[in-house]
Amino acid sequence: MKDNPAWDQLKAVNVEEKNMVEKKNNLSYISWAMAWSALCDIYPDATFEKHCNEQGFPYFKDEQGWCFTKVTVTVNGKSITEMLPVLNYANKAIQNPNSFEVNTSLQRCLAKAISLHGLGVHIYSGEDIADIPTEVEKSEVKKVEEKVKKLEEKNIKPSTLIIDIPKNDNFTKVD
């Protein structure tokens, strides 16, 4: 981000060294309060806006009931807007959320919008990679591990192991 001193300054903050990074459900994050505090320590004139729908509620709902929150953070005159789905405790999108779930999403959205200015942005690297395996996928992995263990007990080393992996209710053969 050339010509953006805020990006360089905020990205240089070592959030791990400052004990700002927390873990929950095997995911790393920075709480909105820690992110906002650190941001305002460096840029006290920073602002944020929680966007509201036409009825004045701080979320947007599509025709299937999926809800999203939207937050804009302005730092050093540059505004960045982030939009997030409302998620449950397991980080899965939910329909028709209650007010607590909407509020939690707003705070997550705020933290992420702050990170888009540079503060702790690396925490989100890889978030767009495949989801954590579901229970079905975990059971498939366990089956494969059991097959491998049986082969190892027999001292058989397969040249190719074929594994069935469920994908969108289909099975794909993988060599």
Protein backbone atom coordinates (compact mmCIF):
# COMPACT_ATOMS: atom_id res chain seq x y z
CA MET A 1 0.00 0.00 0.00
CA LYS A 2 2.14 2.79 -1.31
CA ASP A 3 1.43 6.32 -0.15
CA ASN A 4 -0.33 4.98 2.95
CA PRO A 5 1.73 5.59 6.08
CA ALA A 6 -1.09 4.20 8.28
CA TRP A 7 -0.83 0.79 6.58
CA ASP A 8 2.92 0.60 7.11
CA GLN A 9 2.71 1.79 10.70
CA LEU A 10 -0.19 -0.48 11.68
CA LYS A 11 1.19 -3.53 9.87
CA ALA A 12 4.45 -3.09 11.79
CA VAL A 13 2.66 -3.55 15.14
CA ASN A 14 3.63 -6.96 16.53
CA VAL A 15 0.22 -8.08 17.80
CA GLU A 16 1.63 -11.37 19.11
CA GLU A 17 4.31 -9.62 21.16
CA LYS A 18 1.64 -7.31 22.61
CA ASN A 19 -0.47 -10.38 23.59
CA MET A 20 -3.37 -9.22 21.43
CA VAL A 21 -3.95 -12.55 19.66
CA GLU A 22 -6.44 -14.96 21.20
CA LYS A 23 -7.52 -18.44 20.13
CA LYS A 24 -10.99 -19.92 20.00
CA ASN A 25 -12.04 -23.13 18.26
CA ASN A 26 -8.50 -23.46 16.89
CA LEU A 27 -8.74 -20.06 15.15
CA SER A 28 -6.68 -16.97 15.94
CA TYR A 29 -8.31 -13.58 16.30
CA ILE A 30 -7.89 -10.15 17.85
CA SER A 31 -10.82 -8.94 19.92
CA TRP A 32 -12.52 -5.79 18.69
CA ALA A 33 -11.66 -3.99 21.96
CA MET A 34 -7.95 -4.77 21.68
CA ALA A 35 -7.90 -3.82 17.99
CA TRP A 36 -9.78 -0.55 18.55
CA SER A 37 -7.59 0.37 21.53
CA ALA A 38 -4.35 -0.29 19.64
CA LEU A 39 -5.62 1.61 16.61
CA CYS A 40 -6.64 4.65 18.69
CA ASP A 41 -3.29 4.64 20.51
CA ILE A 42 -1.66 5.33 17.14
CA TYR A 43 -4.50 7.18 15.36
CA PRO A 44 -6.72 8.80 18.02
CA ASP A 45 -8.88 10.42 15.33
CA ALA A 46 -9.85 7.04 13.81
CA THR A 47 -13.61 6.48 13.45
CA PHE A 48 -15.95 3.64 12.65
CA GLU A 49 -19.52 3.37 11.42
CA LYS A 50 -21.87 0.43 11.82
CA HIS A 51 -24.18 0.50 8.81
CA CYS A 52 -27.94 0.00 9.24
CA ASN A 53 -30.64 -1.24 6.87
CA GLU A 54 -33.67 0.84 5.81
CA GLN A 55 -35.51 -0.07 9.02
CA GLY A 56 -32.59 1.14 11.14
CA PHE A 57 -31.32 -2.30 12.18
CA PRO A 58 -27.54 -2.92 12.05
CA TYR A 59 -27.70 -5.87 9.65
CA PHE A 60 -28.75 -6.72 6.11
CA LYS A 61 -30.87 -9.78 5.30
CA ASP A 62 -31.23 -11.56 1.97
CA GLU A 63 -34.37 -13.34 0.75
CA GLN A 64 -33.31 -16.66 2.36
CA GLY A 65 -32.84 -15.08 5.80
CA TRP A 66 -29.02 -14.98 5.73
CA CYS A 67 -27.78 -11.87 7.49
CA PHE A 68 -24.69 -9.74 7.09
CA THR A 69 -23.17 -6.87 9.03
CA LYS A 70 -21.25 -3.98 7.54
CA VAL A 71 -18.70 -1.71 9.23
CA THR A 72 -16.55 1.12 7.87
CA VAL A 73 -13.34 2.16 9.63
CA THR A 74 -11.62 5.43 8.73
CA VAL A 75 -7.94 5.89 9.56
CA ASN A 76 -5.89 8.90 8.55
CA GLY A 77 -8.60 9.95 6.08
CA LYS A 78 -8.88 6.53 4.37
CA SER A 79 -12.12 4.57 4.78
CA ILE A 80 -12.36 0.80 4.39
CA THR A 81 -15.66 -1.06 4.58
CA GLU A 82 -15.94 -4.72 5.54
CA MET A 83 -19.03 -6.91 5.34
CA LEU A 84 -19.35 -10.24 7.19
CA PRO A 85 -22.03 -12.89 7.46
CA VAL A 86 -23.56 -13.37 10.89
CA LEU A 87 -21.94 -16.53 12.26
CA ASN A 88 -22.66 -18.93 15.09
CA TYR A 89 -20.21 -20.12 17.77
CA ALA A 90 -18.65 -22.54 15.24
CA ASN A 91 -18.09 -19.80 12.64
CA LYS A 92 -20.86 -21.06 10.36
CA ALA A 93 -23.27 -18.63 8.71
CA ILE A 94 -26.76 -18.70 10.25
CA GLN A 95 -30.21 -17.62 9.20
CA ASN A 96 -32.50 -15.30 11.17
CA PRO A 97 -30.01 -14.48 13.95
CA ASN A 98 -30.92 -13.00 17.30
CA SER A 99 -29.64 -9.61 18.50
CA PHE A 100 -26.67 -11.11 20.38
CA GLU A 101 -25.48 -12.90 17.23
CA VAL A 102 -25.85 -9.67 15.20
CA ASN A 103 -23.87 -7.72 17.82
CA THR A 104 -21.12 -10.35 17.85
CA SER A 105 -20.93 -10.14 14.05
CA LEU A 106 -20.68 -6.34 14.18
CA GLN A 107 -17.74 -6.57 16.58
CA ARG A 108 -16.01 -9.21 14.43
CA CYS A 109 -16.62 -7.02 11.40
CA LEU A 110 -15.12 -4.03 13.21
CA ALA A 111 -11.98 -6.01 14.12
CA LYS A 112 -11.59 -7.21 10.55
CA ALA A 113 -12.12 -3.73 9.09
CA ILE A 114 -9.39 -2.47 11.43
CA SER A 115 -7.11 -5.26 10.22
CA LEU A 116 -7.67 -4.15 6.62
CA HIS A 117 -5.84 -0.97 7.60
CA GLY A 118 -2.86 -3.18 8.55
CA LEU A 119 -3.22 -3.97 12.27
CA GLY A 120 -2.98 -7.77 12.59
CA VAL A 121 -3.91 -8.33 8.96
CA HIS A 122 -1.75 -11.46 8.84
CA ILE A 123 -4.10 -13.10 11.37
CA TYR A 124 -6.63 -13.46 8.55
CA SER A 125 -4.24 -15.03 6.05
CA GLY A 126 -5.54 -18.41 4.97
CA GLU A 127 -9.11 -17.77 6.14
CA ASP A 128 -10.29 -18.28 2.58
CA ILE A 129 -8.74 -21.74 2.47
CA ALA A 130 -11.03 -24.78 2.80
CA ASP A 131 -13.15 -25.02 5.92
CA ILE A 132 -12.20 -27.11 8.92
CA PRO A 133 -13.29 -30.70 8.23
CA THR A 134 -16.82 -31.58 9.25
CA GLU A 135 -17.61 -34.57 11.43
CA VAL A 136 -18.34 -36.64 8.29
CA GLU A 137 -14.97 -35.77 6.81
CA LYS A 138 -13.28 -36.53 10.14
CA SER A 139 -14.88 -39.98 10.17
CA GLU A 140 -13.60 -40.58 6.63
CA VAL A 141 -10.09 -39.60 7.73
CA LYS A 142 -10.37 -42.01 10.66
CA LYS A 143 -11.33 -44.85 8.28
CA VAL A 144 -8.28 -44.14 6.12
CA GLU A 145 -6.03 -44.01 9.17
CA GLU A 146 -7.40 -47.40 10.28
CA LYS A 147 -6.74 -48.90 6.81
CA VAL A 148 -3.19 -47.58 6.82
CA LYS A 149 -2.61 -48.94 10.33
CA LYS A 150 -3.82 -52.42 9.27
CA LEU A 151 -1.50 -52.35 6.27
CA GLU A 152 1.41 -51.25 8.45
CA GLU A 153 0.68 -54.08 10.91
CA LYS A 154 0.92 -56.55 8.03
CA ASN A 155 4.12 -54.86 6.87
CA ILE A 156 2.53 -54.08 3.52
CA LYS A 157 3.55 -50.82 1.94
CA PRO A 158 1.06 -49.85 -0.75
CA SER A 159 2.44 -48.16 -3.85
CA THR A 160 -0.83 -46.26 -4.22
CA LEU A 161 -3.53 -45.75 -1.64
CA ILE A 162 -6.95 -44.82 -3.00
CA ILE A 163 -9.06 -42.72 -0.68
CA ASP A 164 -12.73 -41.83 -1.07
CA ILE A 165 -13.30 -38.20 -0.10
CA PRO A 166 -16.86 -36.86 0.18
CA LYS A 167 -17.36 -33.63 -1.73
CA ASN A 168 -20.78 -32.02 -2.11
CA ASP A 169 -22.58 -35.33 -1.51
CA ASN A 170 -20.42 -37.03 -4.17
CA PHE A 171 -17.37 -39.20 -3.78
CA THR A 172 -14.20 -38.48 -5.71
CA LYS A 173 -11.46 -41.03 -6.14
CA VAL A 174 -8.04 -39.64 -5.32
CA ASP A 175 -4.72 -41.39 -5.94
